[in-house]
Amino acid sequence: MDIKGYRYVPRSLFEAITFLCQALPKRAVPTFLELLFGSSVRLGSCRQPMFKK
């Protein structure tokens, strides 16, 4: 597997999430993380509509 150049992606992602969490009020951080990880884990991501007509 060719992972050259992708070694620092998790660290960069962690730094970006940490930066965003520091910009939010403390009570909003758990909700932000839940929405962030919930949408990344859910099949189809958050781009699909939640309700069908």
PDB file of N, CA and C in Angstrom:
ATOM      1  N   MET A   1       0.853  -1.173   0.000  1.00  0.00           N
ATOM      2  CA  MET A   1       0.000   0.000   0.000  1.00  0.00           C
ATOM      3  C   MET A   1       0.897   1.234   0.000  1.00  0.00           C
ATOM      4  N   ASP A   2       0.589   2.160  -0.863  1.00  0.00           N
ATOM      5  CA  ASP A   2       1.389   3.378  -0.982  1.00  0.00           C
ATOM      6  C   ASP A   2       0.790   4.461  -0.087  1.00  0.00           C
ATOM      7  N   ILE A   3       1.432   4.699   1.042  1.00  0.00           N
ATOM      8  CA  ILE A   3       0.929   5.716   1.970  1.00  0.00           C
ATOM      9  C   ILE A   3       1.855   6.922   2.044  1.00  0.00           C
ATOM     10  N   LYS A   4       2.796   6.996   1.135  1.00  0.00           N
ATOM     11  CA  LYS A   4       3.754   8.108   1.131  1.00  0.00           C
ATOM     12  C   LYS A   4       3.002   9.432   0.949  1.00  0.00           C
ATOM     13  N   GLY A   5       3.231  10.370   1.826  1.00  0.00           N
ATOM     14  CA  GLY A   5       2.566  11.662   1.744  1.00  0.00           C
ATOM     15  C   GLY A   5       1.292  11.747   2.574  1.00  0.00           C
ATOM     16  N   TYR A   6       0.797  10.617   3.058  1.00  0.00           N
ATOM     17  CA  TYR A   6      -0.432  10.616   3.848  1.00  0.00           C
ATOM     18  C   TYR A   6      -0.175  10.351   5.324  1.00  0.00           C
ATOM     19  N   ARG A   7       1.070  10.370   5.717  1.00  0.00           N
ATOM     20  CA  ARG A   7       1.426  10.054   7.094  1.00  0.00           C
ATOM     21  C   ARG A   7       0.892  11.084   8.074  1.00  0.00           C
ATOM     22  N   TYR A   8       0.752  12.341   7.662  1.00  0.00           N
ATOM     23  CA  TYR A   8       0.364  13.407   8.575  1.00  0.00           C
ATOM     24  C   TYR A   8      -1.099  13.797   8.474  1.00  0.00           C
ATOM     25  N   VAL A   9      -1.885  13.069   7.704  1.00  0.00           N
ATOM     26  CA  VAL A   9      -3.301  13.416   7.576  1.00  0.00           C
ATOM     27  C   VAL A   9      -4.035  13.301   8.914  1.00  0.00           C
ATOM     28  N   PRO A  10      -3.895  12.203   9.666  1.00  0.00           N
ATOM     29  CA  PRO A  10      -4.602  12.142  10.948  1.00  0.00           C
ATOM     30  C   PRO A  10      -4.199  13.260  11.904  1.00  0.00           C
ATOM     31  N   ARG A  11      -2.919  13.589  11.944  1.00  0.00           N
ATOM     32  CA  ARG A  11      -2.464  14.661  12.828  1.00  0.00           C
ATOM     33  C   ARG A  11      -3.055  16.004  12.388  1.00  0.00           C
ATOM     34  N   SER A  12      -3.074  16.258  11.079  1.00  0.00           N
ATOM     35  CA  SER A  12      -3.646  17.502  10.561  1.00  0.00           C
ATOM     36  C   SER A  12      -5.135  17.570  10.846  1.00  0.00           C
ATOM     37  N   LEU A  13      -5.811  16.450  10.695  1.00  0.00           N
ATOM     38  CA  LEU A  13      -7.244  16.393  10.986  1.00  0.00           C
ATOM     39  C   LEU A  13      -7.498  16.671  12.464  1.00  0.00           C
ATOM     40  N   PHE A  14      -6.689  16.064  13.327  1.00  0.00           N
ATOM     41  CA  PHE A  14      -6.818  16.293  14.760  1.00  0.00           C
ATOM     42  C   PHE A  14      -6.595  17.767  15.106  1.00  0.00           C
ATOM     43  N   GLU A  15      -5.601  18.387  14.493  1.00  0.00           N
ATOM     44  CA  GLU A  15      -5.325  19.802  14.761  1.00  0.00           C
ATOM     45  C   GLU A  15      -6.466  20.694  14.288  1.00  0.00           C
ATOM     46  N   ALA A  16      -7.077  20.368  13.145  1.00  0.00           N
ATOM     47  CA  ALA A  16      -8.200  21.162  12.639  1.00  0.00           C
ATOM     48  C   ALA A  16      -9.416  21.034  13.557  1.00  0.00           C
ATOM     49  N   ILE A  17      -9.700  19.814  14.008  1.00  0.00           N
ATOM     50  CA  ILE A  17     -10.840  19.603  14.912  1.00  0.00           C
ATOM     51  C   ILE A  17     -10.589  20.310  16.236  1.00  0.00           C
ATOM     52  N   THR A  18      -9.367  20.243  16.742  1.00  0.00           N
ATOM     53  CA  THR A  18      -9.027  20.929  17.995  1.00  0.00           C
ATOM     54  C   THR A  18      -9.192  22.432  17.857  1.00  0.00           C
ATOM     55  N   PHE A  19      -8.751  22.985  16.736  1.00  0.00           N
ATOM     56  CA  PHE A  19      -8.892  24.419  16.493  1.00  0.00           C
ATOM     57  C   PHE A  19     -10.364  24.824  16.480  1.00  0.00           C
ATOM     58  N   LEU A  20     -11.197  24.044  15.796  1.00  0.00           N
ATOM     59  CA  LEU A  20     -12.630  24.358  15.736  1.00  0.00           C
ATOM     60  C   LEU A  20     -13.285  24.226  17.113  1.00  0.00           C
ATOM     61  N   CYS A  21     -12.894  23.223  17.877  1.00  0.00           N
ATOM     62  CA  CYS A  21     -13.473  23.043  19.214  1.00  0.00           C
ATOM     63  C   CYS A  21     -13.099  24.186  20.153  1.00  0.00           C
ATOM     64  N   GLN A  22     -11.917  24.735  19.985  1.00  0.00           N
ATOM     65  CA  GLN A  22     -11.508  25.861  20.832  1.00  0.00           C
ATOM     66  C   GLN A  22     -12.279  27.129  20.487  1.00  0.00           C
ATOM     67  N   ALA A  23     -12.797  27.203  19.259  1.00  0.00           N
ATOM     68  CA  ALA A  23     -13.553  28.390  18.844  1.00  0.00           C
ATOM     69  C   ALA A  23     -15.009  28.334  19.304  1.00  0.00           C
ATOM     70  N   LEU A  24     -15.471  27.152  19.708  1.00  0.00           N
ATOM     71  CA  LEU A  24     -16.864  26.991  20.134  1.00  0.00           C
ATOM     72  C   LEU A  24     -17.001  27.190  21.634  1.00  0.00           C
ATOM     73  N   PRO A  25     -18.216  27.535  22.080  1.00  0.00           N
ATOM     74  CA  PRO A  25     -18.462  27.528  23.526  1.00  0.00           C
ATOM     75  C   PRO A  25     -18.306  26.104  24.073  1.00  0.00           C
ATOM     76  N   LYS A  26     -17.866  25.985  25.322  1.00  0.00           N
ATOM     77  CA  LYS A  26     -17.601  24.664  25.898  1.00  0.00           C
ATOM     78  C   LYS A  26     -18.817  23.749  25.870  1.00  0.00           C
ATOM     79  N   ARG A  27     -20.001  24.285  26.036  1.00  0.00           N
ATOM     80  CA  ARG A  27     -21.189  23.427  26.049  1.00  0.00           C
ATOM     81  C   ARG A  27     -21.566  22.931  24.653  1.00  0.00           C
ATOM     82  N   ALA A  28     -21.025  23.553  23.599  1.00  0.00           N
ATOM     83  CA  ALA A  28     -21.345  23.146  22.229  1.00  0.00           C
ATOM     84  C   ALA A  28     -20.367  22.109  21.672  1.00  0.00           C
ATOM     85  N   VAL A  29     -19.234  21.910  22.334  1.00  0.00           N
ATOM     86  CA  VAL A  29     -18.210  20.998  21.810  1.00  0.00           C
ATOM     87  C   VAL A  29     -18.713  19.557  21.703  1.00  0.00           C
ATOM     88  N   PRO A  30     -19.356  18.978  22.727  1.00  0.00           N
ATOM     89  CA  PRO A  30     -19.834  17.592  22.574  1.00  0.00           C
ATOM     90  C   PRO A  30     -20.827  17.427  21.415  1.00  0.00           C
ATOM     91  N   THR A  31     -21.699  18.394  21.234  1.00  0.00           N
ATOM     92  CA  THR A  31     -22.660  18.329  20.132  1.00  0.00           C
ATOM     93  C   THR A  31     -21.943  18.413  18.793  1.00  0.00           C
ATOM     94  N   PHE A  32     -20.966  19.299  18.682  1.00  0.00           N
ATOM     95  CA  PHE A  32     -20.192  19.425  17.456  1.00  0.00           C
ATOM     96  C   PHE A  32     -19.491  18.114  17.112  1.00  0.00           C
ATOM     97  N   LEU A  33     -18.845  17.506  18.103  1.00  0.00           N
ATOM     98  CA  LEU A  33     -18.134  16.251  17.852  1.00  0.00           C
ATOM     99  C   LEU A  33     -19.095  15.128  17.494  1.00  0.00           C
ATOM    100  N   GLU A  34     -20.230  15.096  18.153  1.00  0.00           N
ATOM    101  CA  GLU A  34     -21.230  14.064  17.845  1.00  0.00           C
ATOM    102  C   GLU A  34     -21.737  14.209  16.412  1.00  0.00           C
ATOM    103  N   LEU A  35     -22.010  15.421  15.992  1.00  0.00           N
ATOM    104  CA  LEU A  35     -22.461  15.645  14.620  1.00  0.00           C
ATOM    105  C   LEU A  35     -21.354  15.342  13.619  1.00  0.00           C
ATOM    106  N   LEU A  36     -20.130  15.737  13.928  1.00  0.00           N
ATOM    107  CA  LEU A  36     -19.004  15.509  13.027  1.00  0.00           C
ATOM    108  C   LEU A  36     -18.739  14.027  12.817  1.00  0.00           C
ATOM    109  N   PHE A  37     -18.596  13.291  13.901  1.00  0.00           N
ATOM    110  CA  PHE A  37     -18.284  11.865  13.777  1.00  0.00           C
ATOM    111  C   PHE A  37     -19.497  11.048  13.368  1.00  0.00           C
ATOM    112  N   GLY A  38     -20.664  11.465  13.789  1.00  0.00           N
ATOM    113  CA  GLY A  38     -21.885  10.762  13.383  1.00  0.00           C
ATOM    114  C   GLY A  38     -22.116  10.849  11.891  1.00  0.00           C
ATOM    115  N   SER A  39     -21.861  12.012  11.320  1.00  0.00           N
ATOM    116  CA  SER A  39     -22.064  12.157   9.878  1.00  0.00           C
ATOM    117  C   SER A  39     -20.978  11.457   9.084  1.00  0.00           C
ATOM    118  N   SER A  40     -19.781  11.326   9.643  1.00  0.00           N
ATOM    119  CA  SER A  40     -18.714  10.647   8.911  1.00  0.00           C
ATOM    120  C   SER A  40     -18.856   9.128   8.985  1.00  0.00           C
ATOM    121  N   VAL A  41     -19.501   8.627  10.026  1.00  0.00           N
ATOM    122  CA  VAL A  41     -19.676   7.184  10.187  1.00  0.00           C
ATOM    123  C   VAL A  41     -20.912   6.692   9.444  1.00  0.00           C
ATOM    124  N   ARG A  42     -21.941   7.508   9.429  1.00  0.00           N
ATOM    125  CA  ARG A  42     -23.207   7.104   8.818  1.00  0.00           C
ATOM    126  C   ARG A  42     -23.039   6.833   7.330  1.00  0.00           C
ATOM    127  N   LEU A  43     -23.642   5.799   6.841  1.00  0.00           N
ATOM    128  CA  LEU A  43     -23.562   5.488   5.418  1.00  0.00           C
ATOM    129  C   LEU A  43     -24.255   6.573   4.607  1.00  0.00           C
ATOM    130  N   GLY A  44     -23.644   6.988   3.532  1.00  0.00           N
ATOM    131  CA  GLY A  44     -24.227   8.002   2.671  1.00  0.00           C
ATOM    132  C   GLY A  44     -23.861   9.416   3.069  1.00  0.00           C
ATOM    133  N   SER A  45     -23.186   9.581   4.160  1.00  0.00           N
ATOM    134  CA  SER A  45     -22.754  10.864   4.710  1.00  0.00           C
ATOM    135  C   SER A  45     -23.937  11.825   4.888  1.00  0.00           C
ATOM    136  N   CYS A  46     -23.656  13.074   5.160  1.00  0.00           N
ATOM    137  CA  CYS A  46     -24.722  14.028   5.462  1.00  0.00           C
ATOM    138  C   CYS A  46     -25.156  14.786   4.221  1.00  0.00           C
ATOM    139  N   ARG A  47     -24.695  14.395   3.053  1.00  0.00           N
ATOM    140  CA  ARG A  47     -25.082  15.096   1.822  1.00  0.00           C
ATOM    141  C   ARG A  47     -26.440  14.643   1.319  1.00  0.00           C
ATOM    142  N   GLN A  48     -26.874  13.465   1.710  1.00  0.00           N
ATOM    143  CA  GLN A  48     -28.164  12.978   1.262  1.00  0.00           C
ATOM    144  C   GLN A  48     -29.260  13.572   2.152  1.00  0.00           C
ATOM    145  N   PRO A  49     -30.429  13.817   1.580  1.00  0.00           N
ATOM    146  CA  PRO A  49     -31.509  14.365   2.403  1.00  0.00           C
ATOM    147  C   PRO A  49     -31.954  13.373   3.472  1.00  0.00           C
ATOM    148  N   MET A  50     -32.300  13.901   4.627  1.00  0.00           N
ATOM    149  CA  MET A  50     -32.704  13.028   5.728  1.00  0.00           C
ATOM    150  C   MET A  50     -34.132  12.528   5.550  1.00  0.00           C
ATOM    151  N   PHE A  51     -34.955  13.312   4.895  1.00  0.00           N
ATOM    152  CA  PHE A  51     -36.337  12.926   4.711  1.00  0.00           C
ATOM    153  C   PHE A  51     -36.646  12.779   3.238  1.00  0.00           C
ATOM    154  N   LYS A  52     -37.369  11.726   2.908  1.00  0.00           N
ATOM    155  CA  LYS A  52     -37.777  11.533   1.516  1.00  0.00           C
ATOM    156  C   LYS A  52     -39.177  12.052   1.343  1.00  0.00           C
ATOM    157  N   LYS A  53     -39.455  12.565   0.153  1.00  0.00           N
ATOM    158  CA  LYS A  53     -40.785  13.090  -0.129  1.00  0.00           C
ATOM    159  C   LYS A  53     -41.764  11.975  -0.352  1.00  0.00           C
TER     160      LYS A  53
END
